[in-house]
Amino acid sequence: MSNVKRESHTDTKNINSIKKELLQRKAELEEQLSTLYTEKVADTQVGDAGDQALSSNLESLRDTLQDSEVNEYSRIIQALHMIEAGTYGICEDCGNPIAEKRLKSYPNATRCIACQEEYEKHL
C-alpha cells in the first residue's frame, strides 16, 4: 500500500450516519458482553452430572458467543479510529476507496471486495 492518503468517496453525511450506527452497535455489544460476563461469574457448579453437562455446554456456547462479540467489538473500535483519522473507507491493502455499498452493508469493512477476496484465499 502506498503512503499517499486517498480520499474516500463516502461523503461526510454518510460517514456520520455510519459512525452513529457503529456507536450504537458498540453500546449494544458492551451491554451484551457485560451480561455474558455477569452470567459467567454468577454460574456455580450444580450437583448432578446432567446439570453439570448442561452447565458446561452452556458455558462453551457463551464463550463462543463472547469471542464473536469481542471480535466484532474490536472491528468497530478500529472503524471508529479510522473515521477519526480520516482513513475510513480506504482499503488497508490497496489504498483505493471501498465501495459505499459495501460500507453500508458492512460498516467496519477494512478492505475493498477484491482485496477481501484475495485475503480470504490465503486464510
N, C-alpha and C. Protein backbone atom coordinates (compact mmCIF):
# COMPACT_ATOMS: atom_id res chain seq x y z
N MET A 1 0.84 -1.18 0.00
CA MET A 1 0.00 0.00 0.00
C MET A 1 0.88 1.24 0.00
N SER A 2 0.53 2.21 -0.79
CA SER A 2 1.33 3.42 -0.84
C SER A 2 1.06 4.29 0.38
N ASN A 3 1.98 5.20 0.63
CA ASN A 3 1.83 6.10 1.77
C ASN A 3 0.92 7.28 1.46
N VAL A 4 0.49 7.41 0.20
CA VAL A 4 -0.37 8.51 -0.18
C VAL A 4 -1.76 8.26 0.38
N LYS A 5 -2.27 9.23 1.10
CA LYS A 5 -3.61 9.13 1.68
C LYS A 5 -4.62 9.50 0.61
N ARG A 6 -5.52 8.58 0.29
CA ARG A 6 -6.51 8.83 -0.75
C ARG A 6 -7.83 9.22 -0.11
N GLU A 7 -8.56 10.04 -0.81
CA GLU A 7 -9.86 10.47 -0.31
C GLU A 7 -10.90 9.39 -0.57
N SER A 8 -11.73 9.14 0.38
CA SER A 8 -12.82 8.19 0.25
C SER A 8 -13.96 8.83 -0.53
N HIS A 9 -14.72 8.00 -1.26
CA HIS A 9 -15.89 8.50 -1.96
C HIS A 9 -17.09 8.62 -1.03
N THR A 10 -16.94 8.19 0.19
CA THR A 10 -18.01 8.26 1.16
C THR A 10 -18.05 9.69 1.70
N ASP A 11 -19.21 10.36 1.51
CA ASP A 11 -19.29 11.75 1.95
C ASP A 11 -19.48 11.86 3.45
N THR A 12 -19.31 13.07 3.95
CA THR A 12 -19.36 13.33 5.39
C THR A 12 -20.70 12.91 6.00
N LYS A 13 -21.80 13.17 5.30
CA LYS A 13 -23.12 12.81 5.82
C LYS A 13 -23.21 11.29 6.01
N ASN A 14 -22.74 10.54 5.02
CA ASN A 14 -22.78 9.08 5.13
C ASN A 14 -21.83 8.58 6.22
N ILE A 15 -20.67 9.19 6.33
CA ILE A 15 -19.73 8.79 7.38
C ILE A 15 -20.35 9.05 8.75
N ASN A 16 -21.01 10.19 8.92
CA ASN A 16 -21.66 10.49 10.20
C ASN A 16 -22.75 9.48 10.51
N SER A 17 -23.49 9.07 9.49
CA SER A 17 -24.54 8.06 9.67
C SER A 17 -23.93 6.72 10.06
N ILE A 18 -22.87 6.34 9.37
CA ILE A 18 -22.17 5.09 9.68
C ILE A 18 -21.59 5.14 11.09
N LYS A 19 -21.00 6.28 11.44
CA LYS A 19 -20.42 6.44 12.78
C LYS A 19 -21.50 6.27 13.85
N LYS A 20 -22.67 6.84 13.61
CA LYS A 20 -23.78 6.72 14.55
C LYS A 20 -24.18 5.24 14.72
N GLU A 21 -24.26 4.51 13.60
CA GLU A 21 -24.60 3.09 13.65
C GLU A 21 -23.53 2.30 14.40
N LEU A 22 -22.27 2.62 14.13
CA LEU A 22 -21.18 1.92 14.81
C LEU A 22 -21.22 2.18 16.32
N LEU A 23 -21.47 3.41 16.71
CA LEU A 23 -21.53 3.74 18.13
C LEU A 23 -22.71 3.03 18.80
N GLN A 24 -23.82 2.93 18.09
CA GLN A 24 -24.99 2.23 18.63
C GLN A 24 -24.68 0.74 18.80
N ARG A 25 -24.07 0.14 17.79
CA ARG A 25 -23.73 -1.29 17.88
C ARG A 25 -22.68 -1.53 18.96
N LYS A 26 -21.75 -0.60 19.10
CA LYS A 26 -20.72 -0.69 20.15
C LYS A 26 -21.38 -0.72 21.52
N ALA A 27 -22.35 0.15 21.74
CA ALA A 27 -23.06 0.19 23.03
C ALA A 27 -23.82 -1.12 23.27
N GLU A 28 -24.44 -1.65 22.22
CA GLU A 28 -25.16 -2.93 22.35
C GLU A 28 -24.20 -4.05 22.74
N LEU A 29 -23.06 -4.10 22.07
CA LEU A 29 -22.07 -5.13 22.37
C LEU A 29 -21.52 -4.99 23.79
N GLU A 30 -21.30 -3.77 24.22
CA GLU A 30 -20.81 -3.56 25.58
C GLU A 30 -21.81 -4.11 26.60
N GLU A 31 -23.09 -3.88 26.34
CA GLU A 31 -24.13 -4.38 27.24
C GLU A 31 -24.18 -5.92 27.21
N GLN A 32 -24.13 -6.48 26.01
CA GLN A 32 -24.17 -7.94 25.88
C GLN A 32 -22.96 -8.60 26.52
N LEU A 33 -21.79 -8.03 26.30
CA LEU A 33 -20.57 -8.59 26.90
C LEU A 33 -20.61 -8.49 28.42
N SER A 34 -21.13 -7.39 28.92
CA SER A 34 -21.27 -7.23 30.37
C SER A 34 -22.21 -8.29 30.94
N THR A 35 -23.32 -8.52 30.24
CA THR A 35 -24.30 -9.53 30.67
C THR A 35 -23.67 -10.92 30.65
N LEU A 36 -22.96 -11.24 29.57
CA LEU A 36 -22.31 -12.56 29.48
C LEU A 36 -21.31 -12.75 30.62
N TYR A 37 -20.53 -11.70 30.89
CA TYR A 37 -19.55 -11.79 31.97
C TYR A 37 -20.24 -11.99 33.31
N THR A 38 -21.30 -11.25 33.54
CA THR A 38 -22.04 -11.36 34.80
C THR A 38 -22.63 -12.75 34.96
N GLU A 39 -23.20 -13.29 33.88
CA GLU A 39 -23.76 -14.65 33.93
C GLU A 39 -22.68 -15.68 34.21
N LYS A 40 -21.52 -15.49 33.59
CA LYS A 40 -20.41 -16.43 33.76
C LYS A 40 -19.93 -16.43 35.21
N VAL A 41 -19.83 -15.24 35.79
CA VAL A 41 -19.38 -15.12 37.18
C VAL A 41 -20.42 -15.68 38.13
N ALA A 42 -21.71 -15.50 37.81
CA ALA A 42 -22.78 -15.95 38.69
C ALA A 42 -23.00 -17.46 38.65
N ASP A 43 -22.57 -18.11 37.56
CA ASP A 43 -22.77 -19.55 37.45
C ASP A 43 -22.00 -20.28 38.54
N THR A 44 -22.65 -21.25 39.12
CA THR A 44 -21.99 -22.11 40.09
C THR A 44 -22.18 -23.54 39.65
N GLN A 45 -21.30 -24.39 40.04
CA GLN A 45 -21.42 -25.81 39.71
C GLN A 45 -22.60 -26.39 40.46
N VAL A 46 -23.39 -27.15 39.73
CA VAL A 46 -24.55 -27.79 40.33
C VAL A 46 -24.25 -29.26 40.56
N GLY A 47 -25.09 -29.91 41.39
CA GLY A 47 -24.83 -31.24 41.88
C GLY A 47 -24.75 -32.39 40.90
N ASP A 48 -25.79 -32.69 40.15
CA ASP A 48 -25.75 -33.94 39.40
C ASP A 48 -25.05 -33.80 38.05
N ALA A 49 -24.68 -34.94 37.49
CA ALA A 49 -23.89 -34.98 36.26
C ALA A 49 -24.62 -34.35 35.08
N GLY A 50 -25.92 -34.55 34.98
CA GLY A 50 -26.71 -33.97 33.89
C GLY A 50 -26.68 -32.46 33.93
N ASP A 51 -26.87 -31.90 35.12
CA ASP A 51 -26.83 -30.45 35.27
C ASP A 51 -25.43 -29.91 34.98
N GLN A 52 -24.41 -30.64 35.39
CA GLN A 52 -23.03 -30.22 35.13
C GLN A 52 -22.73 -30.22 33.64
N ALA A 53 -23.23 -31.26 32.92
CA ALA A 53 -23.01 -31.33 31.47
C ALA A 53 -23.72 -30.17 30.77
N LEU A 54 -24.96 -29.91 31.18
CA LEU A 54 -25.71 -28.80 30.60
C LEU A 54 -25.01 -27.48 30.89
N SER A 55 -24.56 -27.30 32.11
CA SER A 55 -23.86 -26.09 32.50
C SER A 55 -22.57 -25.92 31.69
N SER A 56 -21.85 -27.01 31.47
CA SER A 56 -20.62 -26.98 30.69
C SER A 56 -20.90 -26.60 29.23
N ASN A 57 -21.96 -27.17 28.66
CA ASN A 57 -22.34 -26.85 27.29
C ASN A 57 -22.75 -25.39 27.15
N LEU A 58 -23.51 -24.91 28.11
CA LEU A 58 -23.93 -23.50 28.09
C LEU A 58 -22.73 -22.57 28.21
N GLU A 59 -21.77 -22.95 29.04
CA GLU A 59 -20.57 -22.13 29.20
C GLU A 59 -19.76 -22.09 27.91
N SER A 60 -19.65 -23.23 27.23
CA SER A 60 -18.92 -23.27 25.95
C SER A 60 -19.62 -22.40 24.91
N LEU A 61 -20.94 -22.50 24.86
CA LEU A 61 -21.72 -21.69 23.93
C LEU A 61 -21.55 -20.20 24.25
N ARG A 62 -21.59 -19.87 25.51
CA ARG A 62 -21.43 -18.49 25.96
C ARG A 62 -20.04 -17.96 25.61
N ASP A 63 -19.01 -18.81 25.78
CA ASP A 63 -17.65 -18.40 25.44
C ASP A 63 -17.50 -18.14 23.94
N THR A 64 -18.12 -19.00 23.12
CA THR A 64 -18.07 -18.82 21.67
C THR A 64 -18.76 -17.52 21.27
N LEU A 65 -19.92 -17.27 21.83
CA LEU A 65 -20.64 -16.03 21.56
C LEU A 65 -19.82 -14.83 22.01
N GLN A 66 -19.23 -14.93 23.17
CA GLN A 66 -18.42 -13.83 23.70
C GLN A 66 -17.23 -13.56 22.78
N ASP A 67 -16.56 -14.61 22.30
CA ASP A 67 -15.42 -14.42 21.39
C ASP A 67 -15.85 -13.70 20.12
N SER A 68 -16.99 -14.11 19.58
CA SER A 68 -17.52 -13.48 18.36
C SER A 68 -17.83 -12.01 18.60
N GLU A 69 -18.45 -11.71 19.72
CA GLU A 69 -18.80 -10.33 20.04
C GLU A 69 -17.55 -9.49 20.32
N VAL A 70 -16.55 -10.07 20.95
CA VAL A 70 -15.31 -9.34 21.21
C VAL A 70 -14.63 -9.01 19.88
N ASN A 71 -14.64 -9.95 18.93
CA ASN A 71 -14.05 -9.69 17.62
C ASN A 71 -14.79 -8.57 16.89
N GLU A 72 -16.12 -8.61 16.92
CA GLU A 72 -16.91 -7.55 16.29
C GLU A 72 -16.64 -6.21 16.97
N TYR A 73 -16.57 -6.23 18.29
CA TYR A 73 -16.30 -5.01 19.06
C TYR A 73 -14.95 -4.41 18.64
N SER A 74 -13.95 -5.26 18.48
CA SER A 74 -12.62 -4.79 18.06
C SER A 74 -12.66 -4.16 16.67
N ARG A 75 -13.43 -4.78 15.75
CA ARG A 75 -13.55 -4.22 14.41
C ARG A 75 -14.26 -2.86 14.44
N ILE A 76 -15.25 -2.73 15.30
CA ILE A 76 -15.97 -1.46 15.42
C ILE A 76 -15.04 -0.38 15.97
N ILE A 77 -14.27 -0.72 16.98
CA ILE A 77 -13.31 0.24 17.54
C ILE A 77 -12.33 0.67 16.46
N GLN A 78 -11.86 -0.28 15.66
CA GLN A 78 -10.93 0.03 14.57
C GLN A 78 -11.59 0.97 13.56
N ALA A 79 -12.84 0.69 13.19
CA ALA A 79 -13.55 1.55 12.23
C ALA A 79 -13.71 2.97 12.79
N LEU A 80 -14.06 3.07 14.07
CA LEU A 80 -14.21 4.39 14.69
C LEU A 80 -12.89 5.16 14.69
N HIS A 81 -11.79 4.45 14.94
CA HIS A 81 -10.47 5.09 14.90
C HIS A 81 -10.15 5.58 13.48
N MET A 82 -10.52 4.76 12.48
CA MET A 82 -10.28 5.16 11.08
C MET A 82 -11.11 6.38 10.71
N ILE A 83 -12.34 6.45 11.21
CA ILE A 83 -13.17 7.63 10.95
C ILE A 83 -12.50 8.87 11.53
N GLU A 84 -12.03 8.76 12.77
CA GLU A 84 -11.38 9.89 13.42
C GLU A 84 -10.08 10.29 12.71
N ALA A 85 -9.37 9.28 12.17
CA ALA A 85 -8.09 9.55 11.50
C ALA A 85 -8.28 10.01 10.05
N GLY A 86 -9.53 9.91 9.55
CA GLY A 86 -9.79 10.31 8.18
C GLY A 86 -9.43 9.26 7.15
N THR A 87 -9.21 8.03 7.59
CA THR A 87 -8.85 6.95 6.66
C THR A 87 -9.98 5.96 6.46
N TYR A 88 -11.15 6.26 7.02
CA TYR A 88 -12.29 5.35 6.89
C TYR A 88 -12.73 5.27 5.43
N GLY A 89 -13.01 4.06 4.98
CA GLY A 89 -13.47 3.87 3.61
C GLY A 89 -12.34 3.68 2.63
N ILE A 90 -11.12 3.57 3.13
CA ILE A 90 -9.95 3.33 2.30
C ILE A 90 -9.44 1.91 2.57
N CYS A 91 -9.26 1.14 1.51
CA CYS A 91 -8.81 -0.25 1.64
C CYS A 91 -7.42 -0.28 2.27
N GLU A 92 -7.27 -1.11 3.30
CA GLU A 92 -5.99 -1.20 4.00
C GLU A 92 -4.92 -1.90 3.17
N ASP A 93 -5.32 -2.63 2.13
CA ASP A 93 -4.34 -3.34 1.30
C ASP A 93 -3.91 -2.54 0.08
N CYS A 94 -4.89 -2.06 -0.71
CA CYS A 94 -4.53 -1.39 -1.98
C CYS A 94 -4.59 0.13 -1.89
N GLY A 95 -5.25 0.67 -0.86
CA GLY A 95 -5.34 2.12 -0.69
C GLY A 95 -6.43 2.78 -1.51
N ASN A 96 -7.21 1.99 -2.24
CA ASN A 96 -8.32 2.54 -3.02
C ASN A 96 -9.57 2.67 -2.16
N PRO A 97 -10.51 3.51 -2.58
CA PRO A 97 -11.75 3.65 -1.81
C PRO A 97 -12.54 2.34 -1.78
N ILE A 98 -13.15 2.06 -0.64
CA ILE A 98 -14.06 0.92 -0.51
C ILE A 98 -15.42 1.40 -1.00
N ALA A 99 -16.08 0.58 -1.79
CA ALA A 99 -17.38 0.97 -2.35
C ALA A 99 -18.35 1.34 -1.23
N GLU A 100 -19.09 2.41 -1.46
CA GLU A 100 -20.05 2.88 -0.46
C GLU A 100 -21.09 1.81 -0.14
N LYS A 101 -21.50 1.05 -1.16
CA LYS A 101 -22.47 -0.02 -0.96
C LYS A 101 -21.92 -1.06 0.04
N ARG A 102 -20.64 -1.37 -0.08
CA ARG A 102 -20.01 -2.32 0.85
C ARG A 102 -19.98 -1.75 2.26
N LEU A 103 -19.64 -0.48 2.38
CA LEU A 103 -19.58 0.15 3.70
C LEU A 103 -20.96 0.23 4.36
N LYS A 104 -22.00 0.41 3.54
CA LYS A 104 -23.35 0.46 4.10
C LYS A 104 -23.78 -0.89 4.64
N SER A 105 -23.39 -1.96 3.95
CA SER A 105 -23.80 -3.29 4.41
C SER A 105 -22.83 -3.87 5.44
N TYR A 106 -21.58 -3.42 5.41
CA TYR A 106 -20.56 -3.90 6.34
C TYR A 106 -19.72 -2.71 6.78
N PRO A 107 -20.26 -1.90 7.71
CA PRO A 107 -19.63 -0.61 8.04
C PRO A 107 -18.22 -0.70 8.60
N ASN A 108 -17.83 -1.85 9.09
CA ASN A 108 -16.48 -1.96 9.63
C ASN A 108 -15.53 -2.65 8.65
N ALA A 109 -15.87 -2.63 7.36
CA ALA A 109 -15.00 -3.21 6.32
C ALA A 109 -13.70 -2.42 6.26
N THR A 110 -12.61 -3.15 6.15
CA THR A 110 -11.30 -2.50 6.04
C THR A 110 -10.64 -2.79 4.70
N ARG A 111 -11.31 -3.62 3.89
CA ARG A 111 -10.78 -3.95 2.57
C ARG A 111 -11.88 -3.79 1.52
N CYS A 112 -11.47 -3.45 0.30
CA CYS A 112 -12.41 -3.46 -0.82
C CYS A 112 -12.72 -4.93 -1.14
N ILE A 113 -13.75 -5.15 -1.94
CA ILE A 113 -14.17 -6.52 -2.26
C ILE A 113 -13.02 -7.33 -2.85
N ALA A 114 -12.31 -6.77 -3.83
CA ALA A 114 -11.23 -7.51 -4.49
C ALA A 114 -10.15 -7.93 -3.50
N CYS A 115 -9.74 -7.01 -2.65
CA CYS A 115 -8.68 -7.33 -1.68
C CYS A 115 -9.19 -8.30 -0.61
N GLN A 116 -10.46 -8.17 -0.23
CA GLN A 116 -11.03 -9.11 0.76
C GLN A 116 -11.04 -10.52 0.19
N GLU A 117 -11.46 -10.66 -1.07
CA GLU A 117 -11.47 -11.98 -1.70
C GLU A 117 -10.07 -12.57 -1.76
N GLU A 118 -9.09 -11.75 -2.11
CA GLU A 118 -7.69 -12.20 -2.17
C GLU A 118 -7.21 -12.61 -0.77
N TYR A 119 -7.55 -11.80 0.22
CA TYR A 119 -7.18 -12.10 1.61
C TYR A 119 -7.76 -13.44 2.05
N GLU A 120 -9.04 -13.69 1.72
CA GLU A 120 -9.70 -14.92 2.16
C GLU A 120 -9.14 -16.16 1.46
N LYS A 121 -8.56 -15.99 0.27
CA LYS A 121 -7.93 -17.13 -0.41
C LYS A 121 -6.73 -17.66 0.38
N HIS A 122 -6.11 -16.78 1.15
CA HIS A 122 -4.90 -17.16 1.87
C HIS A 122 -5.12 -17.50 3.33
N LEU A 123 -6.37 -17.61 3.73
CA LEU A 123 -6.67 -17.98 5.11
C LEU A 123 -6.51 -19.45 5.33
